[in-house]
Each structure stands twice: as structure tokens, then as C-alpha cells.
Amino acid sequence: MSADSTSSSPGPSPSLGPIDNVTELLAAHRRGDAGADARLYERVYEELHQLARKTLAGHSNRQADTTSLVHETYLRLAHGGIDQATDRHHMYALAACAMRQILVDRSRRELSQKHGGGNDVALDDALASHARPEHYLAIDQALGQLNDLDSRLRTVVDLHFFVGFSIEEIAGLLSVSERTVRRDWQIARAFLARTLHDGDD
């Protein structure tokens, strides 16, 4: 409740008050608060738009406009993803994974109408913004193999490569040292580059 509110004013939601923190809204959602979902969507909408714009930059699939990607992403999160999110960082990591999977699904549909095309993909920090449909499929398959090898390596890639979290932010989220995250990132990059290259032979 704001400082200039009177004690006689009950406010719109006595159970929550003016919660604006994503982590607190996620907790309210898990408690079953009926008003938390709408406020959570309003709170994260613009940041999801920024994430979608970054993800779609240079993408060849013209159906994948920013607004539709945000809406489809949130629908996927609403059907189970939000229940898994423990805090703000986790929420956006799940959102980034959902966006990537949506683009993979769209790429599969696009490529089902044509054949051919190599998977010669160079793994660098710009790739996620400039991948063609066939690249998304190759990356998705390689990430599955990486997850089988070490799920934390996959998490580091999701957070750093697709979400854009810094090494410091990832270290805090995973409760490991920055040195460990840098090492994981180097191992993951090498593995994915090798896997993507081998898949092109």
C-alpha cells in the first residue's frame, strides 16, 4: 500500500498489495492468488517483447512477428512453465527456451515445404539473432545432445546464448563461481561447434 493511502481504503487486493516484483508475483501465483497472473503478465510483457525482438532479429520466418511470439510464449508458460519458475531469472530463462522452441517448431513447418540446405553453423554470440530455419533445427538437436552430456552446460547455453544473461548473473542464479560458468561456457561452445560441424559432414 502506498504511503498516501488511508487505513480505511482496502485497496484492490488486500492479499497482495501493490506487488510489482516478478519473484513475489510468481510466489503469489503458486499460492493460487487469482490476481497474480494478470499482474505478472503486465509486469513482464515489455521485457518479453525485448527478448522477442532480440530473438527475432534477422530471422527469416516472417510469420514470427514480435507480438505473436510474445503471446505464444506466455501461453506456453501459462500451461506449466510459470509453475516451475522460482524467481525472475528463472522466469526469463524459461521464456527464452519457450521462444526458441516455438521458432524451432515454425522452422520445421517451413522446411517441411522444401528440402536441402546444409547445417554449417558457426557458434558465436550473434548466431541466435541470425539463424536460418535449418540452423535452428541443427542447434536444437545439438542442445539435446549437450543436455544428455551435462544438463548444467545446457542451462548455461540457454541463459547466456539465448537470454543474454551475463556470466556474473548466471553464476548467481546457479550458485557457482564465475570461473565455473566461464569454463562451462567454453566447454559447451566447443561441444556444440564440433557437433554442428560433424552433422554437416
N, C-alpha and C. Protein backbone atom coordinates (compact mmCIF):
# COMPACT_ATOMS: atom_id res chain seq x y z
N MET A 1 0.85 -1.19 0.00
CA MET A 1 0.00 0.00 0.00
C MET A 1 0.88 1.23 0.00
N SER A 2 0.53 2.26 -0.82
CA SER A 2 1.37 3.45 -0.91
C SER A 2 1.27 4.26 0.35
N ALA A 3 2.24 5.16 0.52
CA ALA A 3 2.35 5.92 1.76
C ALA A 3 1.17 6.86 1.94
N ASP A 4 0.56 7.35 0.77
CA ASP A 4 -0.50 8.33 0.92
C ASP A 4 -1.88 7.67 1.00
N SER A 5 -1.92 6.32 1.07
CA SER A 5 -3.20 5.62 1.21
C SER A 5 -3.68 5.70 2.65
N THR A 6 -4.99 5.78 2.84
CA THR A 6 -5.52 5.82 4.19
C THR A 6 -5.83 4.42 4.65
N SER A 7 -5.88 4.26 5.96
CA SER A 7 -6.12 2.94 6.53
C SER A 7 -7.53 2.46 6.22
N SER A 8 -8.47 3.41 5.88
CA SER A 8 -9.83 3.00 5.59
C SER A 8 -10.00 2.48 4.17
N SER A 9 -8.98 2.66 3.32
CA SER A 9 -9.06 2.20 1.94
C SER A 9 -8.53 0.78 1.85
N PRO A 10 -9.39 -0.17 1.51
CA PRO A 10 -8.95 -1.57 1.49
C PRO A 10 -8.03 -1.88 0.34
N GLY A 11 -8.09 -1.10 -0.77
CA GLY A 11 -7.23 -1.39 -1.91
C GLY A 11 -7.81 -2.52 -2.74
N PRO A 12 -7.30 -2.67 -3.95
CA PRO A 12 -7.86 -3.64 -4.87
C PRO A 12 -7.57 -5.09 -4.51
N SER A 13 -6.49 -5.33 -3.78
CA SER A 13 -6.14 -6.71 -3.46
C SER A 13 -5.47 -6.77 -2.11
N PRO A 14 -6.24 -6.94 -1.05
CA PRO A 14 -5.67 -6.95 0.30
C PRO A 14 -4.65 -8.05 0.49
N SER A 15 -4.79 -9.15 -0.24
CA SER A 15 -3.89 -10.28 -0.01
C SER A 15 -2.49 -10.03 -0.55
N LEU A 16 -2.42 -9.20 -1.61
CA LEU A 16 -1.12 -8.97 -2.23
C LEU A 16 -0.59 -7.57 -2.01
N GLY A 17 -1.47 -6.57 -2.01
CA GLY A 17 -0.99 -5.22 -2.02
C GLY A 17 -0.38 -4.92 -3.38
N PRO A 18 0.30 -3.78 -3.55
CA PRO A 18 0.84 -3.40 -4.84
C PRO A 18 2.14 -4.12 -5.18
N ILE A 19 2.08 -5.42 -5.30
CA ILE A 19 3.28 -6.20 -5.63
C ILE A 19 3.71 -5.91 -7.06
N ASP A 20 4.97 -5.58 -7.27
CA ASP A 20 5.48 -5.31 -8.61
C ASP A 20 6.70 -6.16 -8.90
N ASN A 21 7.16 -6.92 -7.94
CA ASN A 21 8.35 -7.73 -8.09
C ASN A 21 7.97 -9.07 -8.73
N VAL A 22 8.68 -9.44 -9.80
CA VAL A 22 8.35 -10.66 -10.54
C VAL A 22 8.45 -11.88 -9.64
N THR A 23 9.50 -11.94 -8.83
CA THR A 23 9.67 -13.10 -7.96
C THR A 23 8.52 -13.23 -6.97
N GLU A 24 8.07 -12.10 -6.41
CA GLU A 24 6.95 -12.13 -5.47
C GLU A 24 5.65 -12.50 -6.18
N LEU A 25 5.47 -12.03 -7.41
CA LEU A 25 4.28 -12.38 -8.17
C LEU A 25 4.25 -13.86 -8.51
N LEU A 26 5.41 -14.43 -8.79
CA LEU A 26 5.49 -15.87 -9.04
C LEU A 26 5.08 -16.65 -7.79
N ALA A 27 5.54 -16.17 -6.63
CA ALA A 27 5.17 -16.82 -5.38
C ALA A 27 3.67 -16.72 -5.15
N ALA A 28 3.10 -15.54 -5.47
CA ALA A 28 1.66 -15.36 -5.31
C ALA A 28 0.89 -16.29 -6.25
N HIS A 29 1.41 -16.47 -7.45
CA HIS A 29 0.79 -17.40 -8.40
C HIS A 29 0.77 -18.82 -7.83
N ARG A 30 1.89 -19.22 -7.25
CA ARG A 30 1.96 -20.58 -6.69
C ARG A 30 1.01 -20.75 -5.50
N ARG A 31 0.73 -19.64 -4.81
CA ARG A 31 -0.21 -19.71 -3.69
C ARG A 31 -1.66 -19.74 -4.17
N GLY A 32 -1.85 -19.52 -5.48
CA GLY A 32 -3.19 -19.56 -6.03
C GLY A 32 -3.91 -18.24 -6.02
N ASP A 33 -3.19 -17.13 -5.85
CA ASP A 33 -3.82 -15.82 -5.84
C ASP A 33 -4.40 -15.52 -7.23
N ALA A 34 -5.69 -15.24 -7.27
CA ALA A 34 -6.39 -15.07 -8.55
C ALA A 34 -5.90 -13.85 -9.33
N GLY A 35 -5.42 -12.83 -8.65
CA GLY A 35 -5.00 -11.62 -9.34
C GLY A 35 -3.55 -11.62 -9.76
N ALA A 36 -2.79 -12.60 -9.35
CA ALA A 36 -1.35 -12.59 -9.61
C ALA A 36 -1.02 -12.78 -11.08
N ASP A 37 -1.76 -13.65 -11.77
CA ASP A 37 -1.43 -13.97 -13.15
C ASP A 37 -1.52 -12.74 -14.06
N ALA A 38 -2.60 -11.98 -13.93
CA ALA A 38 -2.78 -10.80 -14.77
C ALA A 38 -1.70 -9.77 -14.49
N ARG A 39 -1.37 -9.56 -13.22
CA ARG A 39 -0.33 -8.59 -12.88
C ARG A 39 1.05 -9.06 -13.32
N LEU A 40 1.27 -10.37 -13.26
CA LEU A 40 2.55 -10.91 -13.71
C LEU A 40 2.72 -10.67 -15.21
N TYR A 41 1.65 -10.91 -15.98
CA TYR A 41 1.72 -10.70 -17.42
C TYR A 41 2.02 -9.24 -17.73
N GLU A 42 1.32 -8.32 -17.06
CA GLU A 42 1.56 -6.90 -17.28
C GLU A 42 3.00 -6.53 -16.92
N ARG A 43 3.51 -7.14 -15.86
CA ARG A 43 4.84 -6.80 -15.37
C ARG A 43 5.94 -7.26 -16.32
N VAL A 44 5.77 -8.43 -16.93
CA VAL A 44 6.86 -8.99 -17.74
C VAL A 44 6.67 -8.74 -19.23
N TYR A 45 5.53 -8.16 -19.63
CA TYR A 45 5.20 -8.05 -21.06
C TYR A 45 6.29 -7.31 -21.84
N GLU A 46 6.70 -6.15 -21.37
CA GLU A 46 7.68 -5.37 -22.13
C GLU A 46 9.04 -6.06 -22.20
N GLU A 47 9.44 -6.70 -21.11
CA GLU A 47 10.72 -7.41 -21.13
C GLU A 47 10.65 -8.62 -22.06
N LEU A 48 9.50 -9.28 -22.12
CA LEU A 48 9.34 -10.37 -23.07
C LEU A 48 9.39 -9.84 -24.50
N HIS A 49 8.86 -8.64 -24.72
CA HIS A 49 8.94 -8.03 -26.04
C HIS A 49 10.40 -7.77 -26.42
N GLN A 50 11.18 -7.27 -25.47
CA GLN A 50 12.59 -7.02 -25.75
C GLN A 50 13.32 -8.32 -26.07
N LEU A 51 13.01 -9.36 -25.32
CA LEU A 51 13.62 -10.66 -25.56
C LEU A 51 13.21 -11.20 -26.93
N ALA A 52 11.94 -11.01 -27.29
CA ALA A 52 11.46 -11.48 -28.59
C ALA A 52 12.11 -10.71 -29.72
N ARG A 53 12.26 -9.40 -29.57
CA ARG A 53 12.91 -8.61 -30.62
C ARG A 53 14.34 -9.06 -30.83
N LYS A 54 15.03 -9.33 -29.75
CA LYS A 54 16.41 -9.81 -29.85
C LYS A 54 16.45 -11.18 -30.52
N THR A 55 15.52 -12.04 -30.14
CA THR A 55 15.50 -13.39 -30.69
C THR A 55 15.17 -13.40 -32.17
N LEU A 56 14.31 -12.46 -32.60
CA LEU A 56 13.83 -12.45 -33.98
C LEU A 56 14.69 -11.62 -34.92
N ALA A 57 15.65 -10.88 -34.40
CA ALA A 57 16.46 -10.01 -35.26
C ALA A 57 17.10 -10.82 -36.38
N GLY A 58 16.77 -10.49 -37.62
CA GLY A 58 17.35 -11.17 -38.76
C GLY A 58 16.73 -12.51 -39.07
N HIS A 59 15.70 -12.91 -38.33
CA HIS A 59 15.10 -14.22 -38.57
C HIS A 59 14.32 -14.20 -39.88
N SER A 60 14.44 -15.25 -40.66
CA SER A 60 13.85 -15.28 -42.00
C SER A 60 12.37 -15.62 -42.00
N ASN A 61 11.86 -16.14 -40.90
CA ASN A 61 10.46 -16.53 -40.84
C ASN A 61 9.60 -15.30 -40.56
N ARG A 62 8.92 -14.78 -41.58
CA ARG A 62 8.17 -13.54 -41.44
C ARG A 62 6.89 -13.72 -40.63
N GLN A 63 6.49 -14.98 -40.41
CA GLN A 63 5.32 -15.21 -39.57
C GLN A 63 5.65 -14.93 -38.10
N ALA A 64 6.93 -14.95 -37.80
CA ALA A 64 7.34 -14.87 -36.40
C ALA A 64 7.48 -13.42 -35.96
N ASP A 65 6.39 -12.65 -35.97
CA ASP A 65 6.46 -11.28 -35.52
C ASP A 65 6.53 -11.23 -34.01
N THR A 66 7.01 -10.11 -33.52
CA THR A 66 7.32 -9.99 -32.09
C THR A 66 6.10 -10.23 -31.20
N THR A 67 4.99 -9.56 -31.51
CA THR A 67 3.82 -9.67 -30.64
C THR A 67 3.28 -11.09 -30.59
N SER A 68 3.18 -11.75 -31.74
CA SER A 68 2.65 -13.11 -31.74
C SER A 68 3.58 -14.05 -30.99
N LEU A 69 4.90 -13.81 -31.10
CA LEU A 69 5.85 -14.65 -30.38
C LEU A 69 5.71 -14.46 -28.88
N VAL A 70 5.53 -13.22 -28.44
CA VAL A 70 5.33 -12.96 -27.01
C VAL A 70 4.07 -13.66 -26.51
N HIS A 71 2.99 -13.53 -27.25
CA HIS A 71 1.72 -14.14 -26.83
C HIS A 71 1.82 -15.66 -26.78
N GLU A 72 2.41 -16.25 -27.81
CA GLU A 72 2.54 -17.71 -27.83
C GLU A 72 3.46 -18.19 -26.72
N THR A 73 4.52 -17.42 -26.46
CA THR A 73 5.44 -17.78 -25.38
C THR A 73 4.73 -17.77 -24.04
N TYR A 74 3.96 -16.72 -23.79
CA TYR A 74 3.29 -16.64 -22.49
C TYR A 74 2.23 -17.72 -22.35
N LEU A 75 1.56 -18.07 -23.44
CA LEU A 75 0.59 -19.16 -23.38
C LEU A 75 1.27 -20.46 -22.98
N ARG A 76 2.45 -20.70 -23.54
CA ARG A 76 3.19 -21.92 -23.18
C ARG A 76 3.60 -21.88 -21.71
N LEU A 77 4.05 -20.72 -21.27
CA LEU A 77 4.45 -20.60 -19.86
C LEU A 77 3.24 -20.79 -18.95
N ALA A 78 2.11 -20.26 -19.36
CA ALA A 78 0.91 -20.35 -18.53
C ALA A 78 0.44 -21.79 -18.37
N HIS A 79 0.81 -22.64 -19.31
CA HIS A 79 0.41 -24.05 -19.24
C HIS A 79 1.54 -24.90 -18.64
N GLY A 80 2.07 -24.44 -17.53
CA GLY A 80 3.03 -25.25 -16.80
C GLY A 80 4.36 -24.60 -16.52
N GLY A 81 4.84 -23.75 -17.43
CA GLY A 81 6.16 -23.15 -17.26
C GLY A 81 6.26 -22.24 -16.06
N ILE A 82 5.23 -21.43 -15.86
CA ILE A 82 5.24 -20.49 -14.74
C ILE A 82 5.29 -21.23 -13.41
N ASP A 83 4.66 -22.37 -13.34
CA ASP A 83 4.66 -23.15 -12.10
C ASP A 83 6.07 -23.60 -11.72
N GLN A 84 6.96 -23.73 -12.72
CA GLN A 84 8.32 -24.17 -12.45
C GLN A 84 9.24 -23.01 -12.06
N ALA A 85 8.86 -21.79 -12.43
CA ALA A 85 9.74 -20.64 -12.21
C ALA A 85 9.83 -20.29 -10.74
N THR A 86 11.05 -20.16 -10.26
CA THR A 86 11.26 -19.85 -8.85
C THR A 86 11.56 -18.37 -8.61
N ASP A 87 12.06 -17.68 -9.64
CA ASP A 87 12.38 -16.26 -9.50
C ASP A 87 12.42 -15.62 -10.88
N ARG A 88 12.75 -14.33 -10.90
CA ARG A 88 12.74 -13.56 -12.15
C ARG A 88 13.68 -14.16 -13.19
N HIS A 89 14.92 -14.47 -12.79
CA HIS A 89 15.88 -15.03 -13.73
C HIS A 89 15.37 -16.35 -14.32
N HIS A 90 14.83 -17.18 -13.47
CA HIS A 90 14.32 -18.48 -13.93
C HIS A 90 13.16 -18.27 -14.90
N MET A 91 12.31 -17.29 -14.61
CA MET A 91 11.17 -16.99 -15.47
C MET A 91 11.63 -16.64 -16.88
N TYR A 92 12.63 -15.77 -16.99
CA TYR A 92 13.07 -15.35 -18.32
C TYR A 92 13.88 -16.44 -19.01
N ALA A 93 14.54 -17.27 -18.25
CA ALA A 93 15.23 -18.41 -18.86
C ALA A 93 14.22 -19.36 -19.50
N LEU A 94 13.13 -19.62 -18.78
CA LEU A 94 12.07 -20.47 -19.32
C LEU A 94 11.42 -19.82 -20.54
N ALA A 95 11.25 -18.50 -20.48
CA ALA A 95 10.65 -17.78 -21.61
C ALA A 95 11.54 -17.88 -22.84
N ALA A 96 12.84 -17.74 -22.65
CA ALA A 96 13.77 -17.84 -23.78
C ALA A 96 13.75 -19.23 -24.39
N CYS A 97 13.70 -20.24 -23.54
CA CYS A 97 13.62 -21.62 -24.04
C CYS A 97 12.33 -21.84 -24.82
N ALA A 98 11.23 -21.27 -24.31
CA ALA A 98 9.94 -21.41 -25.00
C ALA A 98 9.98 -20.72 -26.35
N MET A 99 10.57 -19.52 -26.41
CA MET A 99 10.68 -18.81 -27.68
C MET A 99 11.51 -19.60 -28.68
N ARG A 100 12.61 -20.14 -28.21
CA ARG A 100 13.46 -20.92 -29.11
C ARG A 100 12.71 -22.13 -29.65
N GLN A 101 11.96 -22.80 -28.77
CA GLN A 101 11.23 -23.98 -29.21
C GLN A 101 10.13 -23.62 -30.21
N ILE A 102 9.49 -22.47 -29.99
CA ILE A 102 8.48 -22.00 -30.94
C ILE A 102 9.10 -21.78 -32.31
N LEU A 103 10.28 -21.15 -32.34
CA LEU A 103 10.95 -20.91 -33.61
C LEU A 103 11.41 -22.21 -34.25
N VAL A 104 11.83 -23.16 -33.42
CA VAL A 104 12.19 -24.48 -33.95
C VAL A 104 10.98 -25.14 -34.61
N ASP A 105 9.84 -25.08 -33.93
CA ASP A 105 8.62 -25.67 -34.47
C ASP A 105 8.22 -24.99 -35.78
N ARG A 106 8.32 -23.66 -35.80
CA ARG A 106 7.97 -22.94 -37.03
C ARG A 106 8.96 -23.26 -38.15
N SER A 107 10.22 -23.41 -37.79
CA SER A 107 11.23 -23.74 -38.78
C SER A 107 10.97 -25.11 -39.38
N ARG A 108 10.56 -26.05 -38.53
CA ARG A 108 10.23 -27.39 -39.04
C ARG A 108 9.10 -27.32 -40.07
N ARG A 109 8.09 -26.51 -39.74
CA ARG A 109 6.97 -26.39 -40.68
C ARG A 109 7.42 -25.74 -41.98
N GLU A 110 8.29 -24.73 -41.86
CA GLU A 110 8.77 -24.04 -43.05
C GLU A 110 9.62 -24.97 -43.91
N LEU A 111 10.49 -25.74 -43.27
CA LEU A 111 11.39 -26.62 -44.01
C LEU A 111 10.68 -27.86 -44.55
N SER A 112 9.52 -28.17 -43.98
CA SER A 112 8.80 -29.33 -44.49
C SER A 112 8.30 -29.09 -45.91
N GLN A 113 8.29 -27.81 -46.33
CA GLN A 113 7.84 -27.46 -47.66
C GLN A 113 8.98 -27.41 -48.67
N LYS A 114 10.18 -27.62 -48.19
CA LYS A 114 11.33 -27.62 -49.09
C LYS A 114 12.37 -28.57 -48.54
N HIS A 115 13.33 -28.93 -49.33
CA HIS A 115 14.36 -29.89 -48.93
C HIS A 115 15.73 -29.30 -49.22
N GLY A 116 16.73 -29.93 -48.61
CA GLY A 116 18.09 -29.49 -48.85
C GLY A 116 18.51 -28.42 -47.88
N GLY A 117 19.72 -27.89 -48.10
CA GLY A 117 20.25 -26.86 -47.22
C GLY A 117 21.13 -27.46 -46.16
N GLY A 118 22.34 -26.96 -46.04
CA GLY A 118 23.30 -27.50 -45.08
C GLY A 118 23.09 -26.95 -43.70
N ASN A 119 23.78 -27.54 -42.75
CA ASN A 119 23.70 -27.10 -41.36
C ASN A 119 25.03 -26.53 -40.92
N ASP A 120 25.71 -25.84 -41.81
CA ASP A 120 27.01 -25.29 -41.49
C ASP A 120 26.82 -24.07 -40.62
N VAL A 121 26.87 -24.25 -39.31
CA VAL A 121 26.56 -23.19 -38.36
C VAL A 121 27.78 -22.89 -37.51
N ALA A 122 28.19 -21.64 -37.50
CA ALA A 122 29.28 -21.22 -36.62
C ALA A 122 28.67 -20.73 -35.32
N LEU A 123 29.10 -21.31 -34.20
CA LEU A 123 28.52 -20.93 -32.92
C LEU A 123 29.22 -19.69 -32.39
N ASP A 124 28.55 -18.58 -32.38
CA ASP A 124 29.08 -17.36 -31.79
C ASP A 124 27.92 -16.59 -31.19
N ASP A 125 28.23 -15.48 -30.55
CA ASP A 125 27.20 -14.77 -29.81
C ASP A 125 26.13 -14.13 -30.69
N ALA A 126 26.38 -14.03 -31.99
CA ALA A 126 25.40 -13.42 -32.88
C ALA A 126 24.48 -14.43 -33.52
N LEU A 127 24.76 -15.70 -33.35
CA LEU A 127 24.05 -16.74 -34.09
C LEU A 127 22.56 -16.74 -33.81
N ALA A 128 22.19 -16.60 -32.55
CA ALA A 128 20.77 -16.70 -32.21
C ALA A 128 19.93 -15.65 -32.90
N SER A 129 20.55 -14.52 -33.28
CA SER A 129 19.81 -13.45 -33.92
C SER A 129 19.80 -13.56 -35.44
N HIS A 130 20.60 -14.46 -36.01
CA HIS A 130 20.73 -14.51 -37.46
C HIS A 130 20.59 -15.91 -38.02
N ALA A 131 20.08 -16.84 -37.24
CA ALA A 131 19.98 -18.22 -37.69
C ALA A 131 18.84 -18.37 -38.68
N ARG A 132 19.08 -19.13 -39.74
CA ARG A 132 18.04 -19.51 -40.67
C ARG A 132 17.28 -20.69 -40.07
N PRO A 133 16.11 -21.04 -40.63
CA PRO A 133 15.32 -22.14 -40.05
C PRO A 133 16.10 -23.42 -39.87
N GLU A 134 16.90 -23.80 -40.89
CA GLU A 134 17.66 -25.04 -40.76
C GLU A 134 18.69 -24.96 -39.65
N HIS A 135 19.17 -23.75 -39.36
CA HIS A 135 20.12 -23.57 -38.28
C HIS A 135 19.46 -23.83 -36.93
N TYR A 136 18.23 -23.33 -36.76
CA TYR A 136 17.53 -23.56 -35.50
C TYR A 136 17.34 -25.04 -35.23
N LEU A 137 17.03 -25.80 -36.27
CA LEU A 137 16.84 -27.24 -36.09
C LEU A 137 18.15 -27.91 -35.71
N ALA A 138 19.24 -27.52 -36.37
CA ALA A 138 20.54 -28.11 -36.05
C ALA A 138 20.95 -27.78 -34.62
N ILE A 139 20.72 -26.53 -34.21
CA ILE A 139 21.08 -26.11 -32.86
C ILE A 139 20.24 -26.86 -31.83
N ASP A 140 18.95 -27.02 -32.11
CA ASP A 140 18.07 -27.71 -31.18
C ASP A 140 18.51 -29.15 -30.97
N GLN A 141 18.89 -29.83 -32.03
CA GLN A 141 19.36 -31.21 -31.92
C GLN A 141 20.67 -31.27 -31.13
N ALA A 142 21.56 -30.33 -31.41
CA ALA A 142 22.84 -30.31 -30.70
C ALA A 142 22.65 -30.02 -29.22
N LEU A 143 21.71 -29.13 -28.89
CA LEU A 143 21.44 -28.83 -27.49
C LEU A 143 20.88 -30.04 -26.75
N GLY A 144 20.10 -30.85 -27.44
CA GLY A 144 19.61 -32.08 -26.82
C GLY A 144 20.74 -33.01 -26.46
N GLN A 145 21.73 -33.11 -27.34
CA GLN A 145 22.90 -33.95 -27.06
C GLN A 145 23.71 -33.37 -25.91
N LEU A 146 23.83 -32.03 -25.88
CA LEU A 146 24.56 -31.39 -24.80
C LEU A 146 23.87 -31.63 -23.46
N ASN A 147 22.56 -31.57 -23.44
CA ASN A 147 21.80 -31.81 -22.22
C ASN A 147 22.02 -33.23 -21.71
N ASP A 148 22.11 -34.19 -22.63
CA ASP A 148 22.38 -35.57 -22.23
C ASP A 148 23.77 -35.70 -21.61
N LEU A 149 24.70 -34.89 -22.10
CA LEU A 149 26.07 -34.91 -21.58
C LEU A 149 26.15 -34.27 -20.20
N ASP A 150 25.56 -33.08 -20.07
CA ASP A 150 25.61 -32.33 -18.81
C ASP A 150 24.52 -31.27 -18.84
N SER A 151 23.51 -31.43 -18.02
CA SER A 151 22.36 -30.52 -18.06
C SER A 151 22.76 -29.10 -17.67
N ARG A 152 23.79 -28.93 -16.82
CA ARG A 152 24.19 -27.58 -16.44
C ARG A 152 24.81 -26.85 -17.62
N LEU A 153 25.56 -27.58 -18.46
CA LEU A 153 26.12 -26.95 -19.65
C LEU A 153 24.99 -26.43 -20.54
N ARG A 154 23.95 -27.21 -20.67
CA ARG A 154 22.78 -26.78 -21.46
C ARG A 154 22.16 -25.54 -20.85
N THR A 155 22.04 -25.51 -19.52
CA THR A 155 21.46 -24.36 -18.85
C THR A 155 22.29 -23.11 -19.09
N VAL A 156 23.60 -23.23 -19.03
CA VAL A 156 24.49 -22.09 -19.27
C VAL A 156 24.29 -21.55 -20.68
N VAL A 157 24.17 -22.44 -21.65
CA VAL A 157 23.94 -22.01 -23.03
C VAL A 157 22.60 -21.29 -23.14
N ASP A 158 21.56 -21.85 -22.55
CA ASP A 158 20.25 -21.22 -22.61
C ASP A 158 20.29 -19.81 -22.01
N LEU A 159 20.92 -19.69 -20.86
CA LEU A 159 20.93 -18.40 -20.16
C LEU A 159 21.83 -17.38 -20.84
N HIS A 160 23.01 -17.79 -21.29
CA HIS A 160 23.97 -16.84 -21.85
C HIS A 160 23.70 -16.57 -23.33
N PHE A 161 23.43 -17.62 -24.07
CA PHE A 161 23.33 -17.53 -25.52
C PHE A 161 21.96 -17.02 -25.97
N PHE A 162 20.90 -17.55 -25.36
CA PHE A 162 19.56 -17.22 -25.80
C PHE A 162 18.92 -16.09 -25.00
N VAL A 163 19.16 -16.04 -23.70
CA VAL A 163 18.57 -14.99 -22.87
C VAL A 163 19.46 -13.76 -22.82
N GLY A 164 20.77 -13.95 -22.88
CA GLY A 164 21.69 -12.83 -22.83
C GLY A 164 22.15 -12.47 -21.43
N PHE A 165 21.98 -13.39 -20.46
CA PHE A 165 22.47 -13.13 -19.12
C PHE A 165 23.99 -13.08 -19.13
N SER A 166 24.54 -12.26 -18.26
CA SER A 166 25.99 -12.17 -18.12
C SER A 166 26.52 -13.37 -17.34
N ILE A 167 27.84 -13.55 -17.42
CA ILE A 167 28.48 -14.62 -16.66
C ILE A 167 28.19 -14.45 -15.17
N GLU A 168 28.26 -13.21 -14.71
CA GLU A 168 28.01 -12.93 -13.29
C GLU A 168 26.58 -13.30 -12.89
N GLU A 169 25.61 -12.94 -13.73
CA GLU A 169 24.21 -13.25 -13.43
C GLU A 169 23.97 -14.76 -13.39
N ILE A 170 24.59 -15.47 -14.33
CA ILE A 170 24.41 -16.93 -14.37
C ILE A 170 25.03 -17.58 -13.14
N ALA A 171 26.20 -17.09 -12.74
CA ALA A 171 26.87 -17.64 -11.56
C ALA A 171 25.97 -17.49 -10.33
N GLY A 172 25.35 -16.32 -10.19
CA GLY A 172 24.45 -16.11 -9.06
C GLY A 172 23.23 -17.00 -9.12
N LEU A 173 22.69 -17.17 -10.31
CA LEU A 173 21.49 -17.99 -10.47
C LEU A 173 21.76 -19.46 -10.18
N LEU A 174 22.92 -19.95 -10.61
CA LEU A 174 23.25 -21.37 -10.45
C LEU A 174 24.03 -21.65 -9.16
N SER A 175 24.36 -20.59 -8.42
CA SER A 175 25.11 -20.73 -7.16
C SER A 175 26.46 -21.41 -7.39
N VAL A 176 27.15 -20.97 -8.44
CA VAL A 176 28.51 -21.44 -8.72
C VAL A 176 29.38 -20.22 -8.96
N SER A 177 30.68 -20.43 -9.08
CA SER A 177 31.59 -19.32 -9.29
C SER A 177 31.55 -18.86 -10.75
N GLU A 178 31.96 -17.60 -10.98
CA GLU A 178 32.03 -17.09 -12.34
C GLU A 178 33.04 -17.90 -13.16
N ARG A 179 34.10 -18.34 -12.52
CA ARG A 179 35.10 -19.16 -13.20
C ARG A 179 34.46 -20.46 -13.72
N THR A 180 33.59 -21.05 -12.90
CA THR A 180 32.92 -22.28 -13.32
C THR A 180 32.01 -22.02 -14.51
N VAL A 181 31.30 -20.90 -14.50
CA VAL A 181 30.41 -20.58 -15.62
C VAL A 181 31.21 -20.36 -16.89
N ARG A 182 32.33 -19.64 -16.78
CA ARG A 182 33.17 -19.41 -17.97
C ARG A 182 33.68 -20.73 -18.53
N ARG A 183 34.09 -21.63 -17.64
CA ARG A 183 34.57 -22.94 -18.08
C ARG A 183 33.45 -23.73 -18.75
N ASP A 184 32.26 -23.71 -18.13
CA ASP A 184 31.12 -24.41 -18.71
C ASP A 184 30.79 -23.85 -20.09
N TRP A 185 30.84 -22.53 -20.22
CA TRP A 185 30.53 -21.89 -21.50
C TRP A 185 31.54 -22.30 -22.57
N GLN A 186 32.80 -22.34 -22.21
CA GLN A 186 33.83 -22.75 -23.17
C GLN A 186 33.64 -24.20 -23.60
N ILE A 187 33.34 -25.07 -22.63
CA ILE A 187 33.12 -26.49 -22.95
C ILE A 187 31.89 -26.64 -23.84
N ALA A 188 30.83 -25.92 -23.50
CA ALA A 188 29.59 -26.02 -24.27
C ALA A 188 29.78 -25.52 -25.69
N ARG A 189 30.47 -24.39 -25.84
CA ARG A 189 30.73 -23.85 -27.18
C ARG A 189 31.51 -24.84 -28.02
N ALA A 190 32.54 -25.42 -27.43
CA ALA A 190 33.37 -26.38 -28.17
C ALA A 190 32.56 -27.60 -28.58
N PHE A 191 31.74 -28.09 -27.64
CA PHE A 191 30.92 -29.27 -27.94
C PHE A 191 29.93 -28.98 -29.05
N LEU A 192 29.24 -27.85 -28.96
CA LEU A 192 28.22 -27.52 -29.96
C LEU A 192 28.85 -27.26 -31.33
N ALA A 193 29.98 -26.56 -31.33
CA ALA A 193 30.65 -26.30 -32.61
C ALA A 193 31.06 -27.60 -33.27
N ARG A 194 31.60 -28.52 -32.48
CA ARG A 194 32.03 -29.81 -33.02
C ARG A 194 30.83 -30.62 -33.50
N THR A 195 29.77 -30.63 -32.71
CA THR A 195 28.58 -31.40 -33.07
C THR A 195 27.93 -30.86 -34.33
N LEU A 196 27.82 -29.53 -34.42
CA LEU A 196 27.22 -28.92 -35.60
C LEU A 196 28.07 -29.16 -36.84
N HIS A 197 29.38 -29.12 -36.67
CA HIS A 197 30.28 -29.36 -37.80
C HIS A 197 30.19 -30.81 -38.25
N ASP A 198 30.18 -31.74 -37.29
CA ASP A 198 30.08 -33.16 -37.63
C ASP A 198 28.77 -33.47 -38.35
N GLY A 199 27.72 -32.77 -37.94
CA GLY A 199 26.43 -33.02 -38.57
C GLY A 199 26.36 -32.54 -39.99
N ASP A 200 27.35 -31.74 -40.39
CA ASP A 200 27.37 -31.22 -41.75
C ASP A 200 28.17 -32.10 -42.69
N ASP A 201 28.87 -33.11 -42.12
CA ASP A 201 29.72 -33.99 -42.95
C ASP A 201 28.87 -35.03 -43.68
